[in-house]
Amino acid sequence: MEQYTIDAACAVDIVFFAGIEFDDINGKLILDIGSGTGRLSIASAYLKAHTILSLDIDIDALEILRKNITSLDLNNIIFPICTDIRLFNLSNSILSDEVQITTIMNPPFGVQERKADRAFLNMAFSISDVIYSIHLSNRYVRKFIKKYASKFDWNVDFVLPYTMILEKTYPFHDKSKKEIVVDVYRFKKNRV
């Protein structure tokens, strides 16, 4: 599992970007794919998301999220779901046409497992109205992301460069803190 906990300042900045700059949080169904301990989910709740589904395969991270949402009294907004996102299905047929889905995710960067981010992108492309996704910042990744999105009839309509502070959480992490430069992509469906 390739996982870092997103720092709190980064989570707030990204959700502010999505919720204030583009109004993609307030009243929306939020999918936080690869939610971990739920910092993006909690930040989204404070920007008045209608409902938040926090999806992660790590039961221990979701237990931390459960404790946090209980202590913050957000149990009626945030719903942690332990699942492998490759197996998760949220059918559009059970949702009303008025429901707008914003996906916010911090997928694996593919350092430990090549192409690990694709399952996250595939799931988001299949269900969302708008997507925010964090990826390493370099020209090869940018080129890949844009090309990959276009295969699904999506486009990148904004890129926010950002420096994240990652804290050591697993034995394979070799530094206590590390700065990485990422891009936060905003994807929109191409209109027919």
C-alpha atoms as a PDB file:
ATOM      1  CA  MET A   1       0.000   0.000   0.000  1.00  0.00           C
ATOM      2  CA  GLU A   2       1.382   3.391  -1.004  1.00  0.00           C
ATOM      3  CA  GLN A   3       0.015   5.854   1.473  1.00  0.00           C
ATOM      4  CA  TYR A   4       0.869   9.152   3.083  1.00  0.00           C
ATOM      5  CA  THR A   5      -1.414  11.211   5.274  1.00  0.00           C
ATOM      6  CA  ILE A   6      -2.123  14.503   3.571  1.00  0.00           C
ATOM      7  CA  ASP A   7      -1.124  17.417   5.799  1.00  0.00           C
ATOM      8  CA  ALA A   8      -3.974  19.434   7.282  1.00  0.00           C
ATOM      9  CA  ALA A   9      -3.011  22.732   5.610  1.00  0.00           C
ATOM     10  CA  CYS A  10      -2.927  21.036   2.222  1.00  0.00           C
ATOM     11  CA  ALA A  11      -6.343  19.446   2.782  1.00  0.00           C
ATOM     12  CA  VAL A  12      -7.869  22.804   3.701  1.00  0.00           C
ATOM     13  CA  ASP A  13      -6.224  24.559   0.735  1.00  0.00           C
ATOM     14  CA  ILE A  14      -7.407  21.955  -1.774  1.00  0.00           C
ATOM     15  CA  VAL A  15     -10.960  21.906  -0.460  1.00  0.00           C
ATOM     16  CA  PHE A  16     -10.990  25.727  -0.363  1.00  0.00           C
ATOM     17  CA  PHE A  17      -9.846  25.693  -4.008  1.00  0.00           C
ATOM     18  CA  ALA A  18     -12.657  23.283  -4.947  1.00  0.00           C
ATOM     19  CA  GLY A  19     -15.339  24.812  -2.745  1.00  0.00           C
ATOM     20  CA  ILE A  20     -14.713  28.530  -2.978  1.00  0.00           C
ATOM     21  CA  GLU A  21     -12.961  29.040  -6.316  1.00  0.00           C
ATOM     22  CA  PHE A  22     -15.266  26.659  -8.213  1.00  0.00           C
ATOM     23  CA  ASP A  23     -18.270  26.072  -5.890  1.00  0.00           C
ATOM     24  CA  ASP A  24     -17.899  22.293  -6.238  1.00  0.00           C
ATOM     25  CA  ILE A  25     -18.492  21.367  -2.552  1.00  0.00           C
ATOM     26  CA  ASN A  26     -21.564  23.132  -1.119  1.00  0.00           C
ATOM     27  CA  GLY A  27     -24.639  20.906  -1.422  1.00  0.00           C
ATOM     28  CA  LYS A  28     -22.786  18.230  -3.412  1.00  0.00           C
ATOM     29  CA  LEU A  29     -22.229  14.522  -2.839  1.00  0.00           C
ATOM     30  CA  ILE A  30     -18.484  14.238  -2.221  1.00  0.00           C
ATOM     31  CA  LEU A  31     -16.525  11.071  -2.921  1.00  0.00           C
ATOM     32  CA  ASP A  32     -13.207  11.112  -1.097  1.00  0.00           C
ATOM     33  CA  ILE A  33     -11.430   8.212  -2.802  1.00  0.00           C
ATOM     34  CA  GLY A  34      -8.460   6.936  -0.850  1.00  0.00           C
ATOM     35  CA  SER A  35      -9.614   9.039   2.077  1.00  0.00           C
ATOM     36  CA  GLY A  36      -7.216   7.671   4.658  1.00  0.00           C
ATOM     37  CA  THR A  37      -7.903   9.475   7.939  1.00  0.00           C
ATOM     38  CA  GLY A  38     -10.318  11.799   6.147  1.00  0.00           C
ATOM     39  CA  ARG A  39      -8.753  15.236   6.187  1.00  0.00           C
ATOM     40  CA  LEU A  40     -10.253  16.083   2.779  1.00  0.00           C
ATOM     41  CA  SER A  41     -13.617  14.697   3.944  1.00  0.00           C
ATOM     42  CA  ILE A  42     -13.621  16.752   7.152  1.00  0.00           C
ATOM     43  CA  ALA A  43     -12.614  19.935   5.333  1.00  0.00           C
ATOM     44  CA  SER A  44     -15.420  19.307   2.807  1.00  0.00           C
ATOM     45  CA  ALA A  45     -17.953  18.921   5.609  1.00  0.00           C
ATOM     46  CA  TYR A  46     -17.116  22.415   6.865  1.00  0.00           C
ATOM     47  CA  LEU A  47     -17.807  23.821   3.394  1.00  0.00           C
ATOM     48  CA  LYS A  48     -21.329  22.374   3.612  1.00  0.00           C
ATOM     49  CA  ALA A  49     -21.118  19.281   1.442  1.00  0.00           C
ATOM     50  CA  HIS A  50     -24.455  17.489   1.423  1.00  0.00           C
ATOM     51  CA  THR A  51     -23.010  14.004   1.993  1.00  0.00           C
ATOM     52  CA  ILE A  52     -19.468  12.637   1.962  1.00  0.00           C
ATOM     53  CA  LEU A  53     -18.518   9.041   1.219  1.00  0.00           C
ATOM     54  CA  SER A  54     -14.968   8.423   2.445  1.00  0.00           C
ATOM     55  CA  LEU A  55     -13.591   5.358   0.658  1.00  0.00           C
ATOM     56  CA  ASP A  56     -10.407   3.586   1.712  1.00  0.00           C
ATOM     57  CA  ILE A  57      -9.061   0.049   1.940  1.00  0.00           C
ATOM     58  CA  ASP A  58      -7.194   0.782   5.198  1.00  0.00           C
ATOM     59  CA  ILE A  59      -9.517  -0.068   8.094  1.00  0.00           C
ATOM     60  CA  ASP A  60      -7.110   1.470  10.633  1.00  0.00           C
ATOM     61  CA  ALA A  61      -7.136   4.826   8.837  1.00  0.00           C
ATOM     62  CA  LEU A  62     -10.937   4.712   8.653  1.00  0.00           C
ATOM     63  CA  GLU A  63     -11.124   3.989  12.385  1.00  0.00           C
ATOM     64  CA  ILE A  64      -9.200   7.221  13.006  1.00  0.00           C
ATOM     65  CA  LEU A  65     -11.653   8.985  10.691  1.00  0.00           C
ATOM     66  CA  ARG A  66     -14.611   7.497  12.607  1.00  0.00           C
ATOM     67  CA  LYS A  67     -13.220   8.802  15.899  1.00  0.00           C
ATOM     68  CA  ASN A  68     -12.614  12.231  14.388  1.00  0.00           C
ATOM     69  CA  ILE A  69     -16.068  12.580  12.874  1.00  0.00           C
ATOM     70  CA  THR A  70     -17.652  11.471  16.146  1.00  0.00           C
ATOM     71  CA  SER A  71     -15.653  14.025  18.149  1.00  0.00           C
ATOM     72  CA  LEU A  72     -16.505  16.740  15.576  1.00  0.00           C
ATOM     73  CA  ASP A  73     -20.189  15.696  15.416  1.00  0.00           C
ATOM     74  CA  LEU A  74     -20.029  15.016  11.663  1.00  0.00           C
ATOM     75  CA  ASN A  75     -21.572  11.505  11.740  1.00  0.00           C
ATOM     76  CA  ASN A  76     -24.605  12.685   9.784  1.00  0.00           C
ATOM     77  CA  ILE A  77     -22.470  14.014   6.894  1.00  0.00           C
ATOM     78  CA  ILE A  78     -19.391  11.772   6.548  1.00  0.00           C
ATOM     79  CA  PHE A  79     -19.759   8.031   5.949  1.00  0.00           C
ATOM     80  CA  PRO A  80     -16.523   5.982   5.972  1.00  0.00           C
ATOM     81  CA  ILE A  81     -16.589   2.911   3.730  1.00  0.00           C
ATOM     82  CA  CYS A  82     -13.875   0.261   3.817  1.00  0.00           C
ATOM     83  CA  THR A  83     -13.505  -0.999   0.257  1.00  0.00           C
ATOM     84  CA  ASP A  84     -11.117  -1.722  -2.536  1.00  0.00           C
ATOM     85  CA  ILE A  85     -12.094   1.019  -4.975  1.00  0.00           C
ATOM     86  CA  ARG A  86     -11.666  -1.402  -7.882  1.00  0.00           C
ATOM     87  CA  LEU A  87     -14.681  -3.269  -6.466  1.00  0.00           C
ATOM     88  CA  PHE A  88     -16.798  -0.326  -5.312  1.00  0.00           C
ATOM     89  CA  ASN A  89     -19.823   0.581  -7.400  1.00  0.00           C
ATOM     90  CA  LEU A  90     -22.114   3.539  -6.898  1.00  0.00           C
ATOM     91  CA  SER A  91     -24.820   3.156  -9.474  1.00  0.00           C
ATOM     92  CA  ASN A  92     -26.090   6.289 -11.173  1.00  0.00           C
ATOM     93  CA  SER A  93     -29.458   4.549 -11.415  1.00  0.00           C
ATOM     94  CA  ILE A  94     -30.082   4.944  -7.661  1.00  0.00           C
ATOM     95  CA  LEU A  95     -29.154   8.635  -7.615  1.00  0.00           C
ATOM     96  CA  SER A  96     -31.505  11.379  -8.690  1.00  0.00           C
ATOM     97  CA  ASP A  97     -30.506  13.455 -11.706  1.00  0.00           C
ATOM     98  CA  GLU A  98     -30.158  16.490  -9.425  1.00  0.00           C
ATOM     99  CA  VAL A  99     -27.324  14.903  -7.402  1.00  0.00           C
ATOM    100  CA  GLN A 100     -23.988  16.395  -8.369  1.00  0.00           C
ATOM    101  CA  ILE A 101     -20.936  14.325  -7.494  1.00  0.00           C
ATOM    102  CA  THR A 102     -17.585  15.916  -6.772  1.00  0.00           C
ATOM    103  CA  THR A 103     -14.684  13.531  -6.320  1.00  0.00           C
ATOM    104  CA  ILE A 104     -11.679  14.670  -4.332  1.00  0.00           C
ATOM    105  CA  MET A 105      -8.810  12.235  -4.146  1.00  0.00           C
ATOM    106  CA  ASN A 106      -5.193  11.761  -3.265  1.00  0.00           C
ATOM    107  CA  PRO A 107      -4.437   8.589  -5.226  1.00  0.00           C
ATOM    108  CA  PRO A 108      -1.216   6.614  -4.923  1.00  0.00           C
ATOM    109  CA  PHE A 109       1.511   8.238  -7.020  1.00  0.00           C
ATOM    110  CA  GLY A 110       2.637   4.925  -8.491  1.00  0.00           C
ATOM    111  CA  VAL A 111       6.028   4.912  -6.771  1.00  0.00           C
ATOM    112  CA  GLN A 112       5.475   1.635  -4.874  1.00  0.00           C
ATOM    113  CA  GLU A 113       3.100   0.114  -7.446  1.00  0.00           C
ATOM    114  CA  ARG A 114       3.178   1.312 -11.037  1.00  0.00           C
ATOM    115  CA  LYS A 115      -0.176   2.482 -12.447  1.00  0.00           C
ATOM    116  CA  ALA A 116      -1.804   2.411  -8.992  1.00  0.00           C
ATOM    117  CA  ASP A 117      -3.519   5.746  -9.682  1.00  0.00           C
ATOM    118  CA  ARG A 118      -5.446   4.436 -12.685  1.00  0.00           C
ATOM    119  CA  ALA A 119      -8.068   2.524 -10.697  1.00  0.00           C
ATOM    120  CA  PHE A 120      -8.793   5.739  -8.781  1.00  0.00           C
ATOM    121  CA  LEU A 121      -9.102   7.783 -11.970  1.00  0.00           C
ATOM    122  CA  ASN A 122     -11.236   5.115 -13.672  1.00  0.00           C
ATOM    123  CA  MET A 123     -13.668   5.026 -10.774  1.00  0.00           C
ATOM    124  CA  ALA A 124     -13.892   8.816 -10.612  1.00  0.00           C
ATOM    125  CA  PHE A 125     -14.406   9.158 -14.382  1.00  0.00           C
ATOM    126  CA  SER A 126     -17.261   6.637 -14.260  1.00  0.00           C
ATOM    127  CA  ILE A 127     -19.402   8.428 -11.661  1.00  0.00           C
ATOM    128  CA  SER A 128     -18.367  12.044 -11.081  1.00  0.00           C
ATOM    129  CA  ASP A 129     -19.471  15.402 -12.410  1.00  0.00           C
ATOM    130  CA  VAL A 130     -16.180  17.059 -11.463  1.00  0.00           C
ATOM    131  CA  ILE A 131     -12.927  15.625 -10.103  1.00  0.00           C
ATOM    132  CA  TYR A 132     -10.021  16.998  -8.074  1.00  0.00           C
ATOM    133  CA  SER A 133      -6.997  14.723  -8.019  1.00  0.00           C
ATOM    134  CA  ILE A 134      -3.474  15.152  -6.612  1.00  0.00           C
ATOM    135  CA  HIS A 135      -0.509  13.869  -8.663  1.00  0.00           C
ATOM    136  CA  LEU A 136       3.235  14.341  -8.700  1.00  0.00           C
ATOM    137  CA  SER A 137       4.241  17.425 -10.644  1.00  0.00           C
ATOM    138  CA  ASN A 138       6.352  16.787 -13.692  1.00  0.00           C
ATOM    139  CA  ARG A 139       5.873  17.120 -17.422  1.00  0.00           C
ATOM    140  CA  TYR A 140       5.554  13.362 -18.010  1.00  0.00           C
ATOM    141  CA  VAL A 141       2.773  13.026 -15.456  1.00  0.00           C
ATOM    142  CA  ARG A 142       0.998  16.116 -16.853  1.00  0.00           C
ATOM    143  CA  LYS A 143       1.136  14.704 -20.370  1.00  0.00           C
ATOM    144  CA  PHE A 144      -0.080  11.292 -19.198  1.00  0.00           C
ATOM    145  CA  ILE A 145      -2.922  12.717 -17.075  1.00  0.00           C
ATOM    146  CA  LYS A 146      -4.277  14.842 -19.922  1.00  0.00           C
ATOM    147  CA  LYS A 147      -4.056  11.992 -22.427  1.00  0.00           C
ATOM    148  CA  TYR A 148      -5.588   9.473 -20.000  1.00  0.00           C
ATOM    149  CA  ALA A 149      -8.498  11.787 -19.175  1.00  0.00           C
ATOM    150  CA  SER A 150      -9.249  12.347 -22.849  1.00  0.00           C
ATOM    151  CA  LYS A 151      -9.665   8.561 -23.332  1.00  0.00           C
ATOM    152  CA  PHE A 152     -12.654   8.796 -20.986  1.00  0.00           C
ATOM    153  CA  ASP A 153     -13.979  11.981 -22.629  1.00  0.00           C
ATOM    154  CA  TRP A 154     -12.803  14.205 -19.770  1.00  0.00           C
ATOM    155  CA  ASN A 155     -10.465  17.180 -19.836  1.00  0.00           C
ATOM    156  CA  VAL A 156      -8.220  18.979 -17.409  1.00  0.00           C
ATOM    157  CA  ASP A 157      -9.621  22.477 -17.075  1.00  0.00           C
ATOM    158  CA  PHE A 158      -7.345  23.739 -14.284  1.00  0.00           C
ATOM    159  CA  VAL A 159      -4.071  22.744 -12.626  1.00  0.00           C
ATOM    160  CA  LEU A 160      -3.093  24.082  -9.216  1.00  0.00           C
ATOM    161  CA  PRO A 161       0.629  23.664  -8.421  1.00  0.00           C
ATOM    162  CA  TYR A 162       1.150  22.878  -4.745  1.00  0.00           C
ATOM    163  CA  THR A 163       3.873  21.831  -2.304  1.00  0.00           C
ATOM    164  CA  MET A 164       2.748  19.142   0.140  1.00  0.00           C
ATOM    165  CA  ILE A 165       4.468  18.258   3.395  1.00  0.00           C
ATOM    166  CA  LEU A 166       4.448  14.492   3.883  1.00  0.00           C
ATOM    167  CA  GLU A 167       5.090  12.984   7.295  1.00  0.00           C
ATOM    168  CA  LYS A 168       6.560   9.528   7.815  1.00  0.00           C
ATOM    169  CA  THR A 169       3.821   6.987   8.436  1.00  0.00           C
ATOM    170  CA  TYR A 170       5.212   3.669   7.173  1.00  0.00           C
ATOM    171  CA  PRO A 171       8.527   1.819   7.605  1.00  0.00           C
ATOM    172  CA  PHE A 172       9.466   2.325   3.932  1.00  0.00           C
ATOM    173  CA  HIS A 173       9.310   6.108   4.397  1.00  0.00           C
ATOM    174  CA  ASP A 174      12.927   7.103   4.965  1.00  0.00           C
ATOM    175  CA  LYS A 175      12.501  10.705   6.197  1.00  0.00           C
ATOM    176  CA  SER A 176      10.430  12.138   9.044  1.00  0.00           C
ATOM    177  CA  LYS A 177       9.092  14.884   6.739  1.00  0.00           C
ATOM    178  CA  LYS A 178       9.394  15.449   3.044  1.00  0.00           C
ATOM    179  CA  GLU A 179       8.250  18.251   0.750  1.00  0.00           C
ATOM    180  CA  ILE A 180       6.917  17.178  -2.613  1.00  0.00           C
ATOM    181  CA  VAL A 181       5.679  19.296  -5.471  1.00  0.00           C
ATOM    182  CA  VAL A 182       2.313  18.151  -6.774  1.00  0.00           C
ATOM    183  CA  ASP A 183      -0.363  19.335  -9.142  1.00  0.00           C
ATOM    184  CA  VAL A 184      -4.010  19.357  -8.149  1.00  0.00           C
ATOM    185  CA  TYR A 185      -5.982  18.653 -11.318  1.00  0.00           C
ATOM    186  CA  ARG A 186      -9.556  19.734 -11.858  1.00  0.00           C
ATOM    187  CA  PHE A 187     -11.254  17.495 -14.414  1.00  0.00           C
ATOM    188  CA  LYS A 188     -14.531  18.187 -16.193  1.00  0.00           C
ATOM    189  CA  LYS A 189     -16.525  15.986 -18.544  1.00  0.00           C
ATOM    190  CA  ASN A 190     -16.393  17.021 -22.179  1.00  0.00           C
ATOM    191  CA  ARG A 191     -19.775  18.257 -23.287  1.00  0.00           C
ATOM    192  CA  VAL A 192     -21.465  16.552 -26.199  1.00  0.00           C
END
